[in-house]
Amino acid sequence: MPKVSVIILNYNGKSKLGSLLDDCISSALGQSYKNIEVLFVDNGSTDGSCEYVRARYGDKVKVICFDRNYGFALGNNLASKFVSKDSGYLVFLNPDAVLDPNYVEVIVSFMEKNKGVGVAQGIQVFMDESFISLGGYVDSYGRGVEFTLKNIMLKHPIMVLWASGSAMVIRRRLFDRLKGFSPELFLYHDEIDLCSRVWLSGYAVVSIPFTGYRHLRGGVVRDINWVSWYFANRNRWLTTIRYMPLKNLLLSLLIALPLEFIINLIKSVKRKERLRALLYVKILLFLVKKLGDNMKKRAGDTSGLKKLIVNVKSPLSKEIEAVANIPRIISKLICPYT
């Protein structure tokens, strides 16, 4: 079995996560899959995370310390340069996520038997078990729609548009060939961007319901803040421009984008959130400035992603409403790899 490199990208995890950081590292070290290495990559923390992990785990963990915060996308790209040369798979693991003991073994064994699968994940379960996810799709207007397991029991893997970056497994050569995550995204929608390119390169993205991991979700940045809000909204539009089929792209830019701008202006006034309006204007200016460059990044024919889009008639529909359409497309997306 090929070597697997687990990359834990950390930012101030020691102070913000406490013992959960140790649970994460221990879950990576305690995998039933033995041909494995664990890399703890510190993204410019100021809380002594690097020194703590180096002292506690010694040579069990390869510790790399960056001089500043490069964000999720570029940080993981840089981290991937430190894995062993003979590594066949990369696992991108959030420091607030804890793997099942057989997580790597189940997923890598599956991918070794099914060479057409480029990316995979297991079941993501919130720490309080309030939410269960297996990655997801996007709706007609480019909004992410998570595939949840509240009302659906799966006995087979399924194909999804994107796997969560919190415990994503990807073939190392494929990651290198695609030049990793898009670094300009910094954080949010990075997995949708990468997985879209995986699909367009001829590989599948699969969710495997036979193993899983627990995830605090948002543990590194506990409170909603305007920085995360800005990147989440900006990057959604970037991925929409780059990968949505032309018809969906036009509907998004001509209908959804103006409506969303108006809605945010209204919210800004009602909630006295002046920064909301200012940031959305900043997003619009950025999209206009970068429209030409991002149109050039459209990977030729994106019609292959159509089967992974959940149809929503109105751009005002909430993402949760789109979940009702998922059972309709499951029959088309049940993974042939059983």
C-alpha atoms as a PDB file:
ATOM      1  CA  MET A   1       0.000   0.000   0.000  1.00  0.00           C
ATOM      2  CA  PRO A   2       1.327   3.469  -0.860  1.00  0.00           C
ATOM      3  CA  LYS A   3       2.540   5.948   1.707  1.00  0.00           C
ATOM      4  CA  VAL A   4      -0.045   8.450   2.948  1.00  0.00           C
ATOM      5  CA  SER A   5       0.834  11.930   4.203  1.00  0.00           C
ATOM      6  CA  VAL A   6      -1.576  13.533   6.680  1.00  0.00           C
ATOM      7  CA  ILE A   7      -1.202  17.323   6.681  1.00  0.00           C
ATOM      8  CA  ILE A   8      -2.589  19.190   9.698  1.00  0.00           C
ATOM      9  CA  LEU A   9      -2.538  22.912   8.942  1.00  0.00           C
ATOM     10  CA  ASN A  10      -2.745  24.832  12.198  1.00  0.00           C
ATOM     11  CA  TYR A  11      -3.298  28.437  13.213  1.00  0.00           C
ATOM     12  CA  ASN A  12      -3.256  29.171  16.956  1.00  0.00           C
ATOM     13  CA  GLY A  13      -4.770  25.763  17.643  1.00  0.00           C
ATOM     14  CA  LYS A  14      -3.057  25.366  21.010  1.00  0.00           C
ATOM     15  CA  SER A  15      -4.883  28.349  22.530  1.00  0.00           C
ATOM     16  CA  LYS A  16      -8.174  28.049  20.628  1.00  0.00           C
ATOM     17  CA  LEU A  17      -8.674  24.277  20.560  1.00  0.00           C
ATOM     18  CA  GLY A  18      -6.980  23.034  23.710  1.00  0.00           C
ATOM     19  CA  SER A  19      -7.092  19.241  24.070  1.00  0.00           C
ATOM     20  CA  LEU A  20      -8.955  18.901  20.763  1.00  0.00           C
ATOM     21  CA  LEU A  21      -5.691  19.665  18.960  1.00  0.00           C
ATOM     22  CA  ASP A  22      -4.090  16.684  20.696  1.00  0.00           C
ATOM     23  CA  ASP A  23      -7.109  14.513  19.846  1.00  0.00           C
ATOM     24  CA  CYS A  24      -6.662  15.463  16.196  1.00  0.00           C
ATOM     25  CA  ILE A  25      -2.943  14.643  16.113  1.00  0.00           C
ATOM     26  CA  SER A  26      -3.438  11.420  18.079  1.00  0.00           C
ATOM     27  CA  SER A  27      -6.171  10.281  15.675  1.00  0.00           C
ATOM     28  CA  ALA A  28      -3.762  10.738  12.763  1.00  0.00           C
ATOM     29  CA  LEU A  29      -0.960   8.889  14.540  1.00  0.00           C
ATOM     30  CA  GLY A  30      -3.311   6.094  15.654  1.00  0.00           C
ATOM     31  CA  GLN A  31      -4.551   5.057  12.223  1.00  0.00           C
ATOM     32  CA  SER A  32      -4.815   1.338  11.438  1.00  0.00           C
ATOM     33  CA  TYR A  33      -3.084   2.143   8.140  1.00  0.00           C
ATOM     34  CA  LYS A  34       0.600   1.874   8.968  1.00  0.00           C
ATOM     35  CA  ASN A  35       2.402   3.339   5.941  1.00  0.00           C
ATOM     36  CA  ILE A  36       1.667   6.862   7.052  1.00  0.00           C
ATOM     37  CA  GLU A  37       3.397  10.082   8.038  1.00  0.00           C
ATOM     38  CA  VAL A  38       1.911  13.011   9.942  1.00  0.00           C
ATOM     39  CA  LEU A  39       2.906  16.595   9.230  1.00  0.00           C
ATOM     40  CA  PHE A  40       1.972  19.407  11.602  1.00  0.00           C
ATOM     41  CA  VAL A  41       2.274  22.604   9.605  1.00  0.00           C
ATOM     42  CA  ASP A  42       1.952  25.823  11.578  1.00  0.00           C
ATOM     43  CA  ASN A  43       0.587  28.822   9.687  1.00  0.00           C
ATOM     44  CA  GLY A  44       2.360  31.559  11.625  1.00  0.00           C
ATOM     45  CA  SER A  45       0.738  30.959  15.026  1.00  0.00           C
ATOM     46  CA  THR A  46       1.516  33.308  17.891  1.00  0.00           C
ATOM     47  CA  ASP A  47       0.449  30.986  20.732  1.00  0.00           C
ATOM     48  CA  GLY A  48       3.400  28.592  20.794  1.00  0.00           C
ATOM     49  CA  SER A  49       1.592  25.819  18.873  1.00  0.00           C
ATOM     50  CA  CYS A  50       4.743  24.875  16.988  1.00  0.00           C
ATOM     51  CA  GLU A  51       6.915  24.550  20.081  1.00  0.00           C
ATOM     52  CA  TYR A  52       4.191  22.639  21.936  1.00  0.00           C
ATOM     53  CA  VAL A  53       3.736  19.978  19.242  1.00  0.00           C
ATOM     54  CA  ARG A  54       7.463  19.578  18.702  1.00  0.00           C
ATOM     55  CA  ALA A  55       8.047  19.042  22.423  1.00  0.00           C
ATOM     56  CA  ARG A  56       5.062  16.728  22.962  1.00  0.00           C
ATOM     57  CA  TYR A  57       5.340  14.443  19.924  1.00  0.00           C
ATOM     58  CA  GLY A  58       9.024  14.520  19.056  1.00  0.00           C
ATOM     59  CA  ASP A  59       9.939  12.652  15.892  1.00  0.00           C
ATOM     60  CA  LYS A  60       6.485  11.042  15.630  1.00  0.00           C
ATOM     61  CA  VAL A  61       5.290  14.171  13.836  1.00  0.00           C
ATOM     62  CA  LYS A  62       7.115  16.186  11.206  1.00  0.00           C
ATOM     63  CA  VAL A  63       6.763  19.818  12.346  1.00  0.00           C
ATOM     64  CA  ILE A  64       7.019  22.697   9.868  1.00  0.00           C
ATOM     65  CA  CYS A  65       6.675  26.286  11.063  1.00  0.00           C
ATOM     66  CA  PHE A  66       5.797  29.092   8.646  1.00  0.00           C
ATOM     67  CA  ASP A  67       6.653  32.704   9.379  1.00  0.00           C
ATOM     68  CA  ARG A  68       3.115  33.994   8.710  1.00  0.00           C
ATOM     69  CA  ASN A  69      -0.459  32.957   7.990  1.00  0.00           C
ATOM     70  CA  TYR A  70      -0.710  31.917   4.341  1.00  0.00           C
ATOM     71  CA  GLY A  71      -4.366  30.918   4.587  1.00  0.00           C
ATOM     72  CA  PHE A  72      -5.847  27.486   3.977  1.00  0.00           C
ATOM     73  CA  ALA A  73      -5.202  27.276   0.231  1.00  0.00           C
ATOM     74  CA  LEU A  74      -1.619  28.478  -0.083  1.00  0.00           C
ATOM     75  CA  GLY A  75      -0.728  27.101   3.348  1.00  0.00           C
ATOM     76  CA  ASN A  76      -1.664  23.561   2.305  1.00  0.00           C
ATOM     77  CA  ASN A  77       0.052  23.987  -1.068  1.00  0.00           C
ATOM     78  CA  LEU A  78       3.290  24.939   0.695  1.00  0.00           C
ATOM     79  CA  ALA A  79       2.825  22.135   3.224  1.00  0.00           C
ATOM     80  CA  SER A  80       2.534  19.561   0.429  1.00  0.00           C
ATOM     81  CA  LYS A  81       6.121  20.363  -0.590  1.00  0.00           C
ATOM     82  CA  PHE A  82       7.374  18.816   2.668  1.00  0.00           C
ATOM     83  CA  VAL A  83       5.811  15.354   2.280  1.00  0.00           C
ATOM     84  CA  SER A  84       7.946  12.328   1.461  1.00  0.00           C
ATOM     85  CA  LYS A  85       8.832  11.899  -2.193  1.00  0.00           C
ATOM     86  CA  ASP A  86       7.247   8.446  -2.291  1.00  0.00           C
ATOM     87  CA  SER A  87       3.912   9.612  -0.835  1.00  0.00           C
ATOM     88  CA  GLY A  88       0.955   8.447  -2.932  1.00  0.00           C
ATOM     89  CA  TYR A  89      -1.894  10.200  -1.125  1.00  0.00           C
ATOM     90  CA  LEU A  90      -2.417  13.427   0.781  1.00  0.00           C
ATOM     91  CA  VAL A  91      -4.926  13.858   3.603  1.00  0.00           C
ATOM     92  CA  PHE A  92      -5.768  17.469   4.425  1.00  0.00           C
ATOM     93  CA  LEU A  93      -6.959  17.391   8.031  1.00  0.00           C
ATOM     94  CA  ASN A  94      -8.286  20.345   9.996  1.00  0.00           C
ATOM     95  CA  PRO A  95      -6.859  20.655  13.537  1.00  0.00           C
ATOM     96  CA  ASP A  96     -10.402  20.571  14.967  1.00  0.00           C
ATOM     97  CA  ALA A  97     -11.231  17.221  13.318  1.00  0.00           C
ATOM     98  CA  VAL A  98     -10.739  13.728  14.786  1.00  0.00           C
ATOM     99  CA  LEU A  99     -10.482  10.722  12.459  1.00  0.00           C
ATOM    100  CA  ASP A 100     -11.960   7.285  13.018  1.00  0.00           C
ATOM    101  CA  PRO A 101      -9.090   4.789  13.522  1.00  0.00           C
ATOM    102  CA  ASN A 102      -9.758   3.154  10.124  1.00  0.00           C
ATOM    103  CA  TYR A 103     -10.356   6.383   8.160  1.00  0.00           C
ATOM    104  CA  VAL A 104      -7.212   6.293   6.029  1.00  0.00           C
ATOM    105  CA  GLU A 105      -7.284   2.521   5.547  1.00  0.00           C
ATOM    106  CA  VAL A 106     -10.899   2.418   4.315  1.00  0.00           C
ATOM    107  CA  ILE A 107     -10.587   5.371   1.942  1.00  0.00           C
ATOM    108  CA  VAL A 108      -7.151   4.587   0.503  1.00  0.00           C
ATOM    109  CA  SER A 109      -8.044   0.904   0.003  1.00  0.00           C
ATOM    110  CA  PHE A 110     -11.154   2.025  -1.864  1.00  0.00           C
ATOM    111  CA  MET A 111      -9.204   4.453  -4.050  1.00  0.00           C
ATOM    112  CA  GLU A 112      -6.536   1.841  -4.791  1.00  0.00           C
ATOM    113  CA  LYS A 113      -9.242  -0.469  -6.121  1.00  0.00           C
ATOM    114  CA  ASN A 114     -10.959   2.323  -8.058  1.00  0.00           C
ATOM    115  CA  LYS A 115      -8.347   4.264  -9.989  1.00  0.00           C
ATOM    116  CA  GLY A 116     -10.928   6.649 -11.446  1.00  0.00           C
ATOM    117  CA  VAL A 117     -11.542   8.227  -8.027  1.00  0.00           C
ATOM    118  CA  GLY A 118      -9.323  11.251  -7.486  1.00  0.00           C
ATOM    119  CA  VAL A 119     -10.721  12.633  -4.217  1.00  0.00           C
ATOM    120  CA  ALA A 120     -12.704  11.069  -1.373  1.00  0.00           C
ATOM    121  CA  GLN A 121     -13.978  11.742   2.118  1.00  0.00           C
ATOM    122  CA  GLY A 122     -15.831   9.840   4.832  1.00  0.00           C
ATOM    123  CA  ILE A 123     -18.820  10.883   6.906  1.00  0.00           C
ATOM    124  CA  GLN A 124     -18.358  14.235   8.658  1.00  0.00           C
ATOM    125  CA  VAL A 125     -20.144  14.383  12.013  1.00  0.00           C
ATOM    126  CA  PHE A 126     -20.378  17.481  14.200  1.00  0.00           C
ATOM    127  CA  MET A 127     -18.928  17.021  17.673  1.00  0.00           C
ATOM    128  CA  ASP A 128     -22.429  17.267  19.176  1.00  0.00           C
ATOM    129  CA  GLU A 129     -23.806  14.960  16.427  1.00  0.00           C
ATOM    130  CA  SER A 130     -26.265  17.690  15.362  1.00  0.00           C
ATOM    131  CA  PHE A 131     -25.168  17.543  11.731  1.00  0.00           C
ATOM    132  CA  ILE A 132     -23.878  14.813   9.432  1.00  0.00           C
ATOM    133  CA  SER A 133     -22.444  15.610   6.011  1.00  0.00           C
ATOM    134  CA  LEU A 134     -20.856  13.812   3.071  1.00  0.00           C
ATOM    135  CA  GLY A 135     -19.611  16.759   1.039  1.00  0.00           C
ATOM    136  CA  GLY A 136     -22.046  18.132  -1.497  1.00  0.00           C
ATOM    137  CA  TYR A 137     -23.034  19.805  -4.713  1.00  0.00           C
ATOM    138  CA  VAL A 138     -23.850  23.339  -5.849  1.00  0.00           C
ATOM    139  CA  ASP A 139     -27.228  24.735  -6.793  1.00  0.00           C
ATOM    140  CA  SER A 140     -28.194  26.465 -10.046  1.00  0.00           C
ATOM    141  CA  TYR A 141     -26.632  29.721  -8.830  1.00  0.00           C
ATOM    142  CA  GLY A 142     -23.327  28.334  -7.578  1.00  0.00           C
ATOM    143  CA  ARG A 143     -24.199  28.114  -3.882  1.00  0.00           C
ATOM    144  CA  GLY A 144     -22.808  25.156  -1.995  1.00  0.00           C
ATOM    145  CA  VAL A 145     -25.384  22.533  -0.958  1.00  0.00           C
ATOM    146  CA  GLU A 146     -24.230  19.966   1.587  1.00  0.00           C
ATOM    147  CA  PHE A 147     -25.429  16.393   1.318  1.00  0.00           C
ATOM    148  CA  THR A 148     -26.744  15.477   4.763  1.00  0.00           C
ATOM    149  CA  LEU A 149     -27.725  12.093   6.162  1.00  0.00           C
ATOM    150  CA  LYS A 150     -30.636  13.064   8.389  1.00  0.00           C
ATOM    151  CA  ASN A 151     -33.266  11.293   6.309  1.00  0.00           C
ATOM    152  CA  ILE A 152     -31.233   9.138   3.929  1.00  0.00           C
ATOM    153  CA  MET A 153     -29.318   5.970   4.778  1.00  0.00           C
ATOM    154  CA  LEU A 154     -26.551   5.081   2.366  1.00  0.00           C
ATOM    155  CA  LYS A 155     -25.227   1.592   1.702  1.00  0.00           C
ATOM    156  CA  HIS A 156     -22.946   2.601  -1.157  1.00  0.00           C
ATOM    157  CA  PRO A 157     -20.489   5.392  -1.912  1.00  0.00           C
ATOM    158  CA  ILE A 158     -21.912   8.315  -3.858  1.00  0.00           C
ATOM    159  CA  MET A 159     -20.447  10.808  -6.273  1.00  0.00           C
ATOM    160  CA  VAL A 160     -20.429  14.417  -5.098  1.00  0.00           C
ATOM    161  CA  LEU A 161     -19.183  17.622  -6.677  1.00  0.00           C
ATOM    162  CA  TRP A 162     -16.949  18.467  -3.730  1.00  0.00           C
ATOM    163  CA  ALA A 163     -15.468  16.815  -0.675  1.00  0.00           C
ATOM    164  CA  SER A 164     -14.858  18.788   2.493  1.00  0.00           C
ATOM    165  CA  GLY A 165     -11.362  20.170   2.953  1.00  0.00           C
ATOM    166  CA  SER A 166     -11.567  19.260   6.641  1.00  0.00           C
ATOM    167  CA  ALA A 167     -10.582  15.610   5.973  1.00  0.00           C
ATOM    168  CA  MET A 168     -10.071  15.351   2.215  1.00  0.00           C
ATOM    169  CA  VAL A 169      -8.049  12.509   0.680  1.00  0.00           C
ATOM    170  CA  ILE A 170      -6.530  13.171  -2.748  1.00  0.00           C
ATOM    171  CA  ARG A 171      -4.045  11.405  -4.984  1.00  0.00           C
ATOM    172  CA  ARG A 172      -0.720  13.172  -4.581  1.00  0.00           C
ATOM    173  CA  ARG A 173       0.166  13.175  -8.300  1.00  0.00           C
ATOM    174  CA  LEU A 174      -3.248  14.562  -9.174  1.00  0.00           C
ATOM    175  CA  PHE A 175      -2.887  17.328  -6.583  1.00  0.00           C
ATOM    176  CA  ASP A 176       0.509  18.242  -8.022  1.00  0.00           C
ATOM    177  CA  ARG A 177      -0.754  18.123 -11.603  1.00  0.00           C
ATOM    178  CA  LEU A 178      -3.618  20.475 -10.753  1.00  0.00           C
ATOM    179  CA  LYS A 179      -1.154  22.738  -8.889  1.00  0.00           C
ATOM    180  CA  GLY A 180      -3.082  22.296  -5.665  1.00  0.00           C
ATOM    181  CA  PHE A 181      -5.620  24.674  -4.214  1.00  0.00           C
ATOM    182  CA  SER A 182      -6.086  28.075  -5.864  1.00  0.00           C
ATOM    183  CA  PRO A 183      -3.943  30.280  -3.559  1.00  0.00           C
ATOM    184  CA  GLU A 184      -5.824  33.525  -4.289  1.00  0.00           C
ATOM    185  CA  LEU A 185      -8.905  32.105  -2.530  1.00  0.00           C
ATOM    186  CA  PHE A 186      -7.079  32.187   0.843  1.00  0.00           C
ATOM    187  CA  LEU A 187      -9.941  30.346   2.567  1.00  0.00           C
ATOM    188  CA  TYR A 188     -13.481  29.128   1.796  1.00  0.00           C
ATOM    189  CA  HIS A 189     -14.706  27.494  -1.403  1.00  0.00           C
ATOM    190  CA  ASP A 190     -11.173  26.174  -1.940  1.00  0.00           C
ATOM    191  CA  GLU A 191     -12.431  22.581  -1.965  1.00  0.00           C
ATOM    192  CA  ILE A 192     -15.209  23.395  -4.449  1.00  0.00           C
ATOM    193  CA  ASP A 193     -12.637  25.018  -6.723  1.00  0.00           C
ATOM    194  CA  LEU A 194     -10.204  22.086  -6.473  1.00  0.00           C
ATOM    195  CA  CYS A 195     -12.835  19.360  -6.800  1.00  0.00           C
ATOM    196  CA  SER A 196     -14.343  21.062  -9.855  1.00  0.00           C
ATOM    197  CA  ARG A 197     -10.936  20.825 -11.505  1.00  0.00           C
ATOM    198  CA  VAL A 198     -10.657  17.191 -10.402  1.00  0.00           C
ATOM    199  CA  TRP A 199     -13.928  16.380 -12.185  1.00  0.00           C
ATOM    200  CA  LEU A 200     -12.927  18.311 -15.293  1.00  0.00           C
ATOM    201  CA  SER A 201      -9.598  16.448 -15.404  1.00  0.00           C
ATOM    202  CA  GLY A 202     -11.451  13.139 -15.717  1.00  0.00           C
ATOM    203  CA  TYR A 203     -11.484  11.908 -12.110  1.00  0.00           C
ATOM    204  CA  ALA A 204     -14.433  11.431  -9.780  1.00  0.00           C
ATOM    205  CA  VAL A 205     -15.028  12.833  -6.284  1.00  0.00           C
ATOM    206  CA  VAL A 206     -16.630  10.304  -3.954  1.00  0.00           C
ATOM    207  CA  SER A 207     -18.089  10.190  -0.458  1.00  0.00           C
ATOM    208  CA  ILE A 208     -17.644   6.906   1.385  1.00  0.00           C
ATOM    209  CA  PRO A 209     -20.150   6.179   4.192  1.00  0.00           C
ATOM    210  CA  PHE A 210     -18.108   3.338   5.722  1.00  0.00           C
ATOM    211  CA  THR A 211     -15.855   5.493   7.890  1.00  0.00           C
ATOM    212  CA  GLY A 212     -15.894   9.024   9.216  1.00  0.00           C
ATOM    213  CA  TYR A 213     -14.576  11.760  11.437  1.00  0.00           C
ATOM    214  CA  ARG A 214     -15.819  14.164  14.084  1.00  0.00           C
ATOM    215  CA  HIS A 215     -15.455  17.860  13.371  1.00  0.00           C
ATOM    216  CA  LEU A 216     -15.920  20.876  15.599  1.00  0.00           C
ATOM    217  CA  ARG A 217     -16.410  22.940  12.433  1.00  0.00           C
ATOM    218  CA  GLY A 218     -15.343  26.511  12.772  1.00  0.00           C
ATOM    219  CA  GLY A 219     -13.145  25.700  15.723  1.00  0.00           C
ATOM    220  CA  VAL A 220     -10.198  27.755  14.520  1.00  0.00           C
ATOM    221  CA  VAL A 221     -12.383  30.828  13.990  1.00  0.00           C
ATOM    222  CA  ARG A 222     -15.209  30.387  16.468  1.00  0.00           C
ATOM    223  CA  ASP A 223     -17.051  33.659  15.898  1.00  0.00           C
ATOM    224  CA  ILE A 224     -18.527  34.829  12.625  1.00  0.00           C
ATOM    225  CA  ASN A 225     -16.445  37.768  11.498  1.00  0.00           C
ATOM    226  CA  TRP A 226     -16.406  40.059   8.496  1.00  0.00           C
ATOM    227  CA  VAL A 227     -13.132  38.687   7.165  1.00  0.00           C
ATOM    228  CA  SER A 228     -14.588  35.191   6.819  1.00  0.00           C
ATOM    229  CA  TRP A 229     -17.864  36.644   5.509  1.00  0.00           C
ATOM    230  CA  TYR A 230     -15.997  38.546   2.812  1.00  0.00           C
ATOM    231  CA  PHE A 231     -13.962  35.566   1.589  1.00  0.00           C
ATOM    232  CA  ALA A 232     -16.936  33.174   1.711  1.00  0.00           C
ATOM    233  CA  ASN A 233     -19.064  35.463  -0.460  1.00  0.00           C
ATOM    234  CA  ARG A 234     -16.307  36.624  -2.780  1.00  0.00           C
ATOM    235  CA  ASN A 235     -14.941  33.144  -3.434  1.00  0.00           C
ATOM    236  CA  ARG A 236     -18.386  31.707  -4.145  1.00  0.00           C
ATOM    237  CA  TRP A 237     -18.695  34.107  -7.042  1.00  0.00           C
ATOM    238  CA  LEU A 238     -15.185  33.308  -8.244  1.00  0.00           C
ATOM    239  CA  THR A 239     -15.915  29.576  -8.398  1.00  0.00           C
ATOM    240  CA  THR A 240     -19.272  30.289 -10.066  1.00  0.00           C
ATOM    241  CA  ILE A 241     -17.555  32.306 -12.803  1.00  0.00           C
ATOM    242  CA  ARG A 242     -14.870  29.685 -13.311  1.00  0.00           C
ATOM    243  CA  TYR A 243     -16.845  26.453 -13.354  1.00  0.00           C
ATOM    244  CA  MET A 244     -20.589  26.881 -13.739  1.00  0.00           C
ATOM    245  CA  PRO A 245     -22.016  25.940 -17.175  1.00  0.00           C
ATOM    246  CA  LEU A 246     -22.621  29.030 -19.308  1.00  0.00           C
ATOM    247  CA  LYS A 247     -26.404  29.103 -18.855  1.00  0.00           C
ATOM    248  CA  ASN A 248     -26.099  28.937 -15.068  1.00  0.00           C
ATOM    249  CA  LEU A 249     -23.323  31.514 -15.110  1.00  0.00           C
ATOM    250  CA  LEU A 250     -25.457  34.034 -17.006  1.00  0.00           C
ATOM    251  CA  LEU A 251     -28.421  33.466 -14.670  1.00  0.00           C
ATOM    252  CA  SER A 252     -26.152  33.973 -11.686  1.00  0.00           C
ATOM    253  CA  LEU A 253     -24.504  37.166 -12.909  1.00  0.00           C
ATOM    254  CA  LEU A 254     -27.629  38.783 -14.383  1.00  0.00           C
ATOM    255  CA  ILE A 255     -30.204  37.751 -11.771  1.00  0.00           C
ATOM    256  CA  ALA A 256     -28.725  36.330  -8.573  1.00  0.00           C
ATOM    257  CA  LEU A 257     -25.848  38.787  -8.146  1.00  0.00           C
ATOM    258  CA  PRO A 258     -27.984  41.988  -8.380  1.00  0.00           C
ATOM    259  CA  LEU A 259     -30.619  40.475  -6.074  1.00  0.00           C
ATOM    260  CA  GLU A 260     -28.026  39.446  -3.547  1.00  0.00           C
ATOM    261  CA  PHE A 261     -26.494  42.917  -3.610  1.00  0.00           C
ATOM    262  CA  ILE A 262     -29.895  44.546  -2.961  1.00  0.00           C
ATOM    263  CA  ILE A 263     -30.660  42.101  -0.138  1.00  0.00           C
ATOM    264  CA  ASN A 264     -27.346  42.879   1.538  1.00  0.00           C
ATOM    265  CA  LEU A 265     -27.964  46.617   1.237  1.00  0.00           C
ATOM    266  CA  ILE A 266     -31.335  46.177   2.949  1.00  0.00           C
ATOM    267  CA  LYS A 267     -29.770  44.047   5.697  1.00  0.00           C
ATOM    268  CA  SER A 268     -27.044  46.640   6.105  1.00  0.00           C
ATOM    269  CA  VAL A 269     -29.613  49.356   6.797  1.00  0.00           C
ATOM    270  CA  LYS A 270     -31.935  47.267   8.979  1.00  0.00           C
ATOM    271  CA  ARG A 271     -29.164  45.810  11.125  1.00  0.00           C
ATOM    272  CA  LYS A 272     -27.045  48.963  11.083  1.00  0.00           C
ATOM    273  CA  GLU A 273     -24.184  46.973   9.569  1.00  0.00           C
ATOM    274  CA  ARG A 274     -22.447  49.579   7.443  1.00  0.00           C
ATOM    275  CA  LEU A 275     -19.504  47.253   6.889  1.00  0.00           C
ATOM    276  CA  ARG A 276     -21.759  44.674   5.188  1.00  0.00           C
ATOM    277  CA  ALA A 277     -22.618  47.092   2.387  1.00  0.00           C
ATOM    278  CA  LEU A 278     -19.039  48.324   2.056  1.00  0.00           C
ATOM    279  CA  LEU A 279     -17.671  44.798   1.804  1.00  0.00           C
ATOM    280  CA  TYR A 280     -20.234  43.785  -0.786  1.00  0.00           C
ATOM    281  CA  VAL A 281     -19.313  46.810  -2.884  1.00  0.00           C
ATOM    282  CA  LYS A 282     -15.701  45.675  -2.509  1.00  0.00           C
ATOM    283  CA  ILE A 283     -16.720  42.203  -3.729  1.00  0.00           C
ATOM    284  CA  LEU A 284     -18.456  43.658  -6.784  1.00  0.00           C
ATOM    285  CA  LEU A 285     -15.456  45.834  -7.662  1.00  0.00           C
ATOM    286  CA  PHE A 286     -13.152  42.845  -7.262  1.00  0.00           C
ATOM    287  CA  LEU A 287     -15.328  40.671  -9.515  1.00  0.00           C
ATOM    288  CA  VAL A 288     -15.439  43.352 -12.212  1.00  0.00           C
ATOM    289  CA  LYS A 289     -11.678  43.857 -12.033  1.00  0.00           C
ATOM    290  CA  LYS A 290     -10.917  40.126 -12.161  1.00  0.00           C
ATOM    291  CA  LEU A 291     -13.722  39.053 -14.506  1.00  0.00           C
ATOM    292  CA  GLY A 292     -11.465  38.762 -17.535  1.00  0.00           C
ATOM    293  CA  ASP A 293      -8.804  36.761 -15.706  1.00  0.00           C
ATOM    294  CA  ASN A 294     -11.353  34.390 -14.196  1.00  0.00           C
ATOM    295  CA  MET A 295     -13.147  33.873 -17.500  1.00  0.00           C
ATOM    296  CA  LYS A 296      -9.776  32.763 -18.897  1.00  0.00           C
ATOM    297  CA  LYS A 297      -9.554  30.204 -16.095  1.00  0.00           C
ATOM    298  CA  ARG A 298     -12.771  28.562 -17.239  1.00  0.00           C
ATOM    299  CA  ALA A 299     -11.600  25.052 -18.033  1.00  0.00           C
ATOM    300  CA  GLY A 300     -13.068  24.754 -21.536  1.00  0.00           C
ATOM    301  CA  ASP A 301     -16.300  22.757 -21.582  1.00  0.00           C
ATOM    302  CA  THR A 302     -17.777  22.732 -18.052  1.00  0.00           C
ATOM    303  CA  SER A 303     -20.965  20.945 -19.098  1.00  0.00           C
ATOM    304  CA  GLY A 304     -19.630  17.802 -17.417  1.00  0.00           C
ATOM    305  CA  LEU A 305     -20.539  19.336 -14.079  1.00  0.00           C
ATOM    306  CA  LYS A 306     -24.244  19.627 -14.954  1.00  0.00           C
ATOM    307  CA  LYS A 307     -25.164  16.310 -13.356  1.00  0.00           C
ATOM    308  CA  LEU A 308     -23.735  17.590 -10.062  1.00  0.00           C
ATOM    309  CA  ILE A 309     -25.864  20.748  -9.944  1.00  0.00           C
ATOM    310  CA  VAL A 310     -29.035  20.784  -7.842  1.00  0.00           C
ATOM    311  CA  ASN A 311     -31.728  22.647  -9.759  1.00  0.00           C
ATOM    312  CA  VAL A 312     -33.274  25.574  -7.885  1.00  0.00           C
ATOM    313  CA  LYS A 313     -35.762  27.736  -9.773  1.00  0.00           C
ATOM    314  CA  SER A 314     -35.487  30.942  -7.769  1.00  0.00           C
ATOM    315  CA  PRO A 315     -32.230  32.670  -6.778  1.00  0.00           C
ATOM    316  CA  LEU A 316     -34.023  33.685  -3.575  1.00  0.00           C
ATOM    317  CA  SER A 317     -34.345  30.048  -2.486  1.00  0.00           C
ATOM    318  CA  LYS A 318     -32.320  29.225   0.573  1.00  0.00           C
ATOM    319  CA  GLU A 319     -29.708  26.511   0.273  1.00  0.00           C
ATOM    320  CA  ILE A 320     -31.598  24.302   2.681  1.00  0.00           C
ATOM    321  CA  GLU A 321     -34.531  24.225   0.275  1.00  0.00           C
ATOM    322  CA  ALA A 322     -32.275  22.768  -2.385  1.00  0.00           C
ATOM    323  CA  VAL A 323     -31.632  19.719  -0.205  1.00  0.00           C
ATOM    324  CA  ALA A 324     -35.129  18.519  -1.086  1.00  0.00           C
ATOM    325  CA  ASN A 325     -33.916  17.993  -4.645  1.00  0.00           C
ATOM    326  CA  ILE A 326     -31.013  15.779  -3.653  1.00  0.00           C
ATOM    327  CA  PRO A 327     -32.932  12.462  -3.434  1.00  0.00           C
ATOM    328  CA  ARG A 328     -33.988  13.043  -7.042  1.00  0.00           C
ATOM    329  CA  ILE A 329     -30.394  13.062  -8.238  1.00  0.00           C
ATOM    330  CA  ILE A 330     -29.069  10.353  -5.927  1.00  0.00           C
ATOM    331  CA  SER A 331     -30.202   7.617  -8.302  1.00  0.00           C
ATOM    332  CA  LYS A 332     -27.990   9.142 -10.965  1.00  0.00           C
ATOM    333  CA  LEU A 333     -25.014   9.584  -8.665  1.00  0.00           C
ATOM    334  CA  ILE A 334     -24.844   6.317  -6.699  1.00  0.00           C
ATOM    335  CA  CYS A 335     -21.247   5.407  -7.089  1.00  0.00           C
ATOM    336  CA  PRO A 336     -20.529   2.480  -9.447  1.00  0.00           C
ATOM    337  CA  TYR A 337     -17.565   1.606  -7.235  1.00  0.00           C
ATOM    338  CA  THR A 338     -19.127  -0.799  -4.722  1.00  0.00           C
END
